N, C-alpha and C. Protein backbone atom coordinates (compact mmCIF):
# COMPACT_ATOMS: atom_id res chain seq x y z
N MET A 1 0.76 -1.48 -0.48
CA MET A 1 0.10 -0.32 0.15
C MET A 1 0.30 1.19 -0.11
N GLU A 2 0.22 2.34 -0.90
CA GLU A 2 1.60 3.17 -0.98
C GLU A 2 0.49 4.95 -0.52
N MET A 3 1.67 5.49 1.05
CA MET A 3 1.04 6.06 1.32
C MET A 3 1.79 7.10 1.19
N ASN A 4 1.76 8.29 1.09
CA ASN A 4 2.94 10.05 0.82
C ASN A 4 3.86 9.42 0.09
N GLY A 5 3.33 8.46 -1.11
CA GLY A 5 5.00 8.37 -1.90
C GLY A 5 6.03 7.12 -1.02
N VAL A 6 5.41 7.01 -0.58
CA VAL A 6 6.14 6.00 0.08
C VAL A 6 5.08 4.61 0.23
N GLN A 7 5.91 3.51 -0.28
CA GLN A 7 5.28 2.14 -0.73
C GLN A 7 5.17 1.78 0.58
N GLY A 8 6.22 1.54 1.31
CA GLY A 8 6.31 0.65 2.65
C GLY A 8 8.16 0.48 3.04
N LEU A 9 8.04 0.05 4.22
CA LEU A 9 9.43 -0.46 5.14
C LEU A 9 9.69 -1.31 5.15
N GLU A 10 10.85 -1.69 4.86
CA GLU A 10 11.30 -3.45 4.31
C GLU A 10 12.69 -3.38 5.18
N ASN A 11 13.03 -4.49 6.11
CA ASN A 11 14.29 -4.58 6.85
C ASN A 11 14.75 -3.33 7.35
N GLY A 12 14.00 -2.06 7.87
CA GLY A 12 14.24 -0.83 7.81
C GLY A 12 14.67 -0.31 6.54
N ARG A 13 14.32 0.23 5.76
CA ARG A 13 14.40 0.45 4.36
C ARG A 13 13.41 1.10 3.79
N VAL A 14 13.09 2.11 3.55
CA VAL A 14 12.26 2.54 2.62
C VAL A 14 11.99 2.32 1.57
N ARG A 15 10.87 1.67 0.67
CA ARG A 15 10.50 0.92 -0.87
C ARG A 15 9.57 1.95 -0.97
N GLY A 16 9.29 2.01 -2.59
CA GLY A 16 9.02 2.85 -3.06
C GLY A 16 9.35 4.06 -3.38
N ILE A 17 10.95 4.70 -3.08
CA ILE A 17 10.68 6.39 -3.10
C ILE A 17 10.99 6.29 -4.35
N GLU A 18 10.66 7.32 -5.15
CA GLU A 18 11.66 7.93 -6.79
C GLU A 18 12.98 8.29 -6.25
N HIS A 19 13.94 7.88 -7.13
CA HIS A 19 15.37 7.30 -7.39
C HIS A 19 15.43 9.16 -7.98
N GLY A 20 16.82 9.90 -6.77
CA GLY A 20 16.93 10.94 -7.28
C GLY A 20 18.11 11.09 -8.36
N THR A 21 18.63 11.69 -8.16
CA THR A 21 19.70 12.49 -8.92
C THR A 21 21.40 13.20 -8.12
N ASP A 22 22.57 12.36 -8.13
CA ASP A 22 23.80 13.08 -7.56
C ASP A 22 23.88 14.13 -8.61
N ARG A 23 25.14 15.03 -8.12
CA ARG A 23 25.22 16.01 -7.94
C ARG A 23 25.81 16.53 -9.48
N ALA A 24 26.47 15.14 -9.81
CA ALA A 24 27.07 15.28 -11.56
C ALA A 24 25.40 14.86 -12.39
N GLY A 25 24.18 14.52 -12.00
CA GLY A 25 23.41 14.42 -12.41
C GLY A 25 22.85 13.16 -12.70
N ALA A 26 23.49 11.93 -12.85
CA ALA A 26 23.59 10.65 -12.76
C ALA A 26 22.49 10.46 -11.66
N ARG A 27 21.81 9.25 -11.93
CA ARG A 27 20.93 8.55 -11.22
C ARG A 27 21.67 8.00 -10.12
N GLU A 28 20.80 8.06 -8.97
CA GLU A 28 21.78 7.30 -7.79
C GLU A 28 20.74 6.07 -7.82
N SER A 29 22.02 4.86 -6.75
CA SER A 29 21.26 3.52 -6.94
C SER A 29 20.35 3.29 -6.15
N GLN A 30 20.50 4.61 -4.63
CA GLN A 30 19.21 4.21 -3.69
C GLN A 30 18.47 5.41 -4.02
N PRO A 31 17.25 5.13 -3.33
CA PRO A 31 15.56 6.02 -3.48
C PRO A 31 16.72 6.82 -2.26
N ALA A 32 16.04 8.17 -2.32
CA ALA A 32 16.15 10.03 -1.71
C ALA A 32 16.09 9.71 0.16
N PHE A 33 14.83 8.52 0.48
CA PHE A 33 14.35 8.89 1.16
C PHE A 33 15.41 7.36 1.87
N GLU A 34 15.18 6.57 1.09
CA GLU A 34 16.33 5.34 1.61
C GLU A 34 17.69 5.79 2.26
N ARG A 35 18.26 6.55 1.49
CA ARG A 35 19.49 7.49 1.73
C ARG A 35 19.43 7.91 2.82
N LEU A 36 18.51 9.05 3.19
CA LEU A 36 18.23 9.34 4.68
C LEU A 36 18.24 8.30 5.34
N LEU A 37 16.99 7.40 5.08
CA LEU A 37 17.29 6.35 6.65
C LEU A 37 18.27 5.94 6.64
N GLN A 38 18.83 5.72 5.62
CA GLN A 38 20.83 4.50 6.19
C GLN A 38 21.45 6.06 6.72
N GLU A 39 21.19 7.12 6.40
CA GLU A 39 22.06 8.51 7.09
C GLU A 39 22.09 8.57 8.43
N GLN A 40 19.88 8.51 8.48
CA GLN A 40 19.83 8.54 10.16
C GLN A 40 20.11 7.28 11.12
N ALA A 41 20.46 6.35 10.55
CA ALA A 41 20.38 4.81 10.97
C ALA A 41 21.72 5.12 12.02
N ARG A 42 22.42 5.22 11.04
CA ARG A 42 24.35 5.36 11.56
C ARG A 42 24.29 7.15 12.77
N GLU A 43 23.08 7.89 12.57
CA GLU A 43 23.42 8.85 13.09
C GLU A 43 22.41 8.59 14.67
N GLY A 44 21.27 8.30 14.01
CA GLY A 44 19.82 8.22 15.09
C GLY A 44 19.34 7.31 15.48
N LEU A 45 18.50 7.27 14.81
CA LEU A 45 17.40 5.93 14.99
C LEU A 45 17.50 5.09 13.52
N SER A 46 17.54 3.88 14.28
CA SER A 46 17.12 2.62 13.04
C SER A 46 16.18 1.79 13.74
N PHE A 47 15.36 1.17 12.41
CA PHE A 47 14.44 0.22 12.80
C PHE A 47 14.85 -1.25 13.18
N SER A 48 14.23 -1.91 13.44
CA SER A 48 14.67 -3.37 13.71
C SER A 48 13.86 -4.23 12.47
N LYS A 49 14.24 -5.06 12.19
CA LYS A 49 13.12 -6.17 11.12
C LYS A 49 12.10 -6.27 11.50
N HIS A 50 11.05 -6.17 13.05
CA HIS A 50 10.27 -6.49 13.60
C HIS A 50 9.42 -5.04 13.21
N ALA A 51 10.11 -3.78 14.16
CA ALA A 51 9.23 -2.70 13.68
C ALA A 51 9.00 -2.37 11.87
N ALA A 52 9.69 -2.85 11.17
CA ALA A 52 10.07 -2.36 9.18
C ALA A 52 8.48 -3.17 8.99
N LYS A 53 8.73 -4.85 9.83
CA LYS A 53 7.49 -5.56 8.92
C LYS A 53 6.34 -4.92 10.16
N ARG A 54 5.95 -4.31 10.87
CA ARG A 54 4.77 -4.15 11.20
C ARG A 54 3.87 -2.96 10.42
N MET A 55 4.90 -1.82 10.22
CA MET A 55 4.96 -0.86 9.68
C MET A 55 4.14 -1.00 8.22
N ASN A 56 4.92 -2.27 7.78
CA ASN A 56 4.25 -2.64 6.50
C ASN A 56 2.22 -3.17 6.65
N GLU A 57 3.10 -3.52 6.84
CA GLU A 57 1.67 -4.47 7.70
C GLU A 57 0.46 -3.76 8.05
N ARG A 58 0.83 -2.56 8.97
CA ARG A 58 0.04 -1.65 9.44
C ARG A 58 -0.95 -0.21 8.81
N GLY A 59 0.26 -0.37 7.70
CA GLY A 59 0.07 0.56 6.72
C GLY A 59 0.43 2.51 7.55
N ILE A 60 1.47 2.25 8.56
CA ILE A 60 1.92 3.57 9.01
C ILE A 60 2.98 4.10 7.87
N ALA A 61 2.10 5.55 7.84
CA ALA A 61 2.79 6.89 6.71
C ALA A 61 4.27 6.78 7.14
N PHE A 62 5.16 6.65 6.80
CA PHE A 62 6.21 7.27 6.86
C PHE A 62 7.16 8.48 6.01
N ASP A 63 7.59 9.70 6.68
CA ASP A 63 8.07 10.30 5.77
C ASP A 63 9.01 11.32 6.49
N SER A 64 10.20 12.05 6.00
CA SER A 64 11.26 12.52 6.79
C SER A 64 10.72 13.40 8.12
N GLN A 65 9.68 13.98 8.30
CA GLN A 65 8.99 14.56 9.32
C GLN A 65 8.20 13.76 10.16
N LEU A 66 8.23 12.70 9.93
CA LEU A 66 7.80 11.85 11.10
C LEU A 66 9.15 11.40 12.08
N MET A 67 10.21 10.86 10.93
CA MET A 67 11.75 10.37 11.35
C MET A 67 12.03 11.68 12.27
N SER A 68 11.97 13.35 11.99
CA SER A 68 12.64 14.36 12.41
C SER A 68 11.91 14.48 14.05
N ASP A 69 10.70 13.91 14.33
CA ASP A 69 9.99 14.37 15.41
C ASP A 69 9.98 12.64 16.17
N LEU A 70 9.97 11.96 15.44
CA LEU A 70 10.51 10.54 16.45
C LEU A 70 11.99 10.41 16.76
N GLU A 71 13.04 11.52 16.40
CA GLU A 71 14.56 11.92 16.72
C GLU A 71 14.78 12.90 18.14
N HIS A 72 13.56 13.34 18.01
CA HIS A 72 13.30 14.97 19.03
C HIS A 72 12.52 14.13 20.05
N ALA A 73 12.01 12.96 19.96
CA ALA A 73 10.90 12.88 21.34
C ALA A 73 11.95 11.61 21.39
N VAL A 74 12.91 11.01 21.78
CA VAL A 74 13.32 10.08 21.41
C VAL A 74 15.02 11.32 22.38
N ASP A 75 15.26 12.11 22.04
CA ASP A 75 16.69 12.74 22.51
C ASP A 75 15.48 13.32 23.96
N GLY A 76 14.36 13.93 23.82
CA GLY A 76 13.97 14.45 25.19
C GLY A 76 13.83 13.15 26.03
N ALA A 77 13.77 12.04 25.71
CA ALA A 77 13.28 11.19 26.63
C ALA A 77 14.99 10.55 27.08
N ARG A 78 15.88 10.25 26.17
CA ARG A 78 17.05 10.37 26.75
C ARG A 78 17.58 11.62 28.17
N LYS A 79 17.62 12.43 27.60
CA LYS A 79 17.38 13.65 28.43
C LYS A 79 17.17 13.37 29.90
N LYS A 80 15.59 12.90 29.90
CA LYS A 80 15.31 12.54 31.23
C LYS A 80 15.71 10.77 32.09
N GLY A 81 16.82 10.08 31.00
CA GLY A 81 17.26 8.80 31.56
C GLY A 81 16.77 7.63 31.13
N ALA A 82 15.80 7.74 29.97
CA ALA A 82 14.89 7.01 29.53
C ALA A 82 15.43 5.53 28.61
N ARG A 83 15.02 4.47 28.71
CA ARG A 83 15.34 3.15 28.16
C ARG A 83 14.69 2.56 27.58
N ASP A 84 13.28 2.11 27.52
CA ASP A 84 12.82 1.60 26.82
C ASP A 84 11.29 2.67 26.64
N VAL A 85 11.02 3.47 25.62
CA VAL A 85 9.83 5.01 25.68
C VAL A 85 9.06 4.28 24.59
N ALA A 86 7.56 4.69 24.86
CA ALA A 86 6.77 4.23 23.94
C ALA A 86 6.28 5.75 23.49
N VAL A 87 6.71 6.32 22.18
CA VAL A 87 6.40 7.41 21.35
C VAL A 87 5.20 7.03 20.62
N ILE A 88 4.53 8.02 21.52
CA ILE A 88 2.39 8.38 21.19
C ILE A 88 2.46 9.13 19.97
N GLY A 89 1.70 8.82 18.85
CA GLY A 89 1.77 10.19 18.03
C GLY A 89 0.51 10.36 17.23
N ALA A 90 -0.14 10.91 16.48
CA ALA A 90 -1.22 10.73 15.72
C ALA A 90 -0.24 9.79 14.53
N GLN A 91 0.54 9.32 13.80
CA GLN A 91 0.45 7.96 13.24
C GLN A 91 0.42 6.82 13.96
N GLY A 92 0.55 6.53 15.24
CA GLY A 92 0.76 5.29 16.10
C GLY A 92 1.84 5.73 17.51
N VAL A 93 1.91 4.28 17.41
CA VAL A 93 2.67 4.72 18.87
C VAL A 93 4.36 3.54 18.36
N PHE A 94 5.45 4.17 18.20
CA PHE A 94 6.74 3.52 18.59
C PHE A 94 7.24 2.88 19.13
N ILE A 95 7.63 1.53 19.99
CA ILE A 95 8.66 1.61 20.76
C ILE A 95 9.96 1.99 20.74
N VAL A 96 10.96 2.32 21.65
CA VAL A 96 12.18 2.34 20.86
C VAL A 96 13.28 2.23 22.49
N ASN A 97 13.88 1.32 21.44
CA ASN A 97 14.91 1.32 22.93
C ASN A 97 15.84 2.25 22.45
N VAL A 98 15.93 3.01 23.65
CA VAL A 98 16.68 4.44 23.58
C VAL A 98 18.21 4.24 23.66
N PRO A 99 19.17 3.36 24.45
CA PRO A 99 20.47 3.42 24.47
C PRO A 99 20.98 2.40 22.93
N ASN A 100 19.76 1.91 22.00
CA ASN A 100 20.32 0.94 20.95
C ASN A 100 19.78 2.22 19.62
N ASN A 101 18.73 2.86 20.56
CA ASN A 101 18.42 3.91 19.44
C ASN A 101 17.66 3.53 18.36
N THR A 102 16.72 2.48 18.42
CA THR A 102 15.98 1.33 17.70
C THR A 102 15.18 1.57 17.95
N VAL A 103 13.90 1.26 16.75
CA VAL A 103 12.99 1.62 16.83
C VAL A 103 12.55 -0.04 16.67
N VAL A 104 11.67 -0.35 17.96
CA VAL A 104 11.62 -1.66 17.79
C VAL A 104 10.37 -2.88 17.48
N THR A 105 8.84 -1.70 17.81
CA THR A 105 7.78 -1.66 17.29
C THR A 105 7.24 -1.20 16.97
N THR A 106 5.90 -1.01 16.34
CA THR A 106 5.10 -0.03 15.99
C THR A 106 3.72 -0.28 16.11
N MET A 107 2.74 0.33 16.41
CA MET A 107 1.58 -0.02 16.40
C MET A 107 0.47 1.47 15.92
N SER A 108 -0.51 0.85 14.81
CA SER A 108 -0.98 2.03 14.50
C SER A 108 -2.01 2.58 15.50
N GLN A 109 -3.03 3.46 15.17
CA GLN A 109 -3.65 4.07 15.79
C GLN A 109 -5.14 3.43 16.53
N SER A 110 -5.51 2.75 14.86
CA SER A 110 -6.72 1.31 15.32
C SER A 110 -6.32 0.37 16.08
N ASP A 111 -4.98 -0.08 16.07
CA ASP A 111 -4.28 -1.41 17.07
C ASP A 111 -4.08 -0.45 18.32
N MET A 112 -3.97 0.53 18.53
CA MET A 112 -3.93 1.10 20.10
C MET A 112 -5.40 1.01 20.89
N LYS A 113 -6.35 0.72 20.59
CA LYS A 113 -7.48 0.69 21.60
C LYS A 113 -7.28 -0.74 22.22
N GLU A 114 -7.93 -0.24 23.99
CA GLU A 114 -7.49 -1.23 24.79
C GLU A 114 -6.29 -2.57 24.57
N ARG A 115 -5.35 -1.22 24.59
CA ARG A 115 -3.82 -2.38 24.46
C ARG A 115 -3.15 -2.17 25.41
N VAL A 116 -2.12 -2.99 26.40
CA VAL A 116 -1.26 -2.76 27.36
C VAL A 116 0.26 -2.82 26.63
N PHE A 117 1.15 -1.96 27.07
CA PHE A 117 2.23 -1.86 26.82
C PHE A 117 3.24 -2.41 28.12
N THR A 118 3.91 -2.93 27.76
CA THR A 118 4.85 -3.48 28.48
C THR A 118 6.31 -3.32 28.44
N ASN A 119 7.03 -3.38 29.13
CA ASN A 119 8.38 -3.21 29.40
C ASN A 119 9.01 -2.14 28.93
N ILE A 120 8.59 -0.65 29.32
CA ILE A 120 8.76 0.63 28.90
C ILE A 120 8.85 1.27 30.00
N ASP A 121 9.74 2.53 30.21
CA ASP A 121 9.73 3.18 31.66
C ASP A 121 9.48 4.50 31.19
N SER A 122 9.05 4.61 30.43
CA SER A 122 8.69 6.37 29.97
C SER A 122 7.85 6.53 28.85
N ALA A 123 6.78 7.07 28.49
CA ALA A 123 6.30 7.92 27.04
C ALA A 123 6.71 9.35 27.49
N VAL A 124 6.33 9.43 25.20
CA VAL A 124 6.36 10.90 25.16
C VAL A 124 5.46 10.94 24.16
N LEU A 125 4.46 12.12 24.35
CA LEU A 125 3.22 12.57 23.46
C LEU A 125 4.15 13.49 22.02
N MET A 126 3.72 12.74 20.75
CA MET A 126 4.89 13.31 20.36
C MET A 126 3.27 14.51 19.40
């Protein structure tokens, strides 16, 4: 299912983004957003295989703004000493292991009704 130009997130990588061009004007081998996601993974958040699979299954729209919001939320939780945080926003819930900077699972808004979150020590509202 395609949402906001993103067809899905698979194994921590975004599928379905149009290829960009490099500075010399040649076609790049990686989609622009996939490149952004990989850069963020080196410097910030990464997605576990499980989280990537859940995002695809649950149709959670993912874009650079969401990545920025997640980074900001996790940074705030880190400053307060959080280790495992539930980041709750309009797109859904993202469970993040703060020391590893890894999103371990996700839930869409419709999946959150009457759900219980375990093994977290903090929550951040986006």
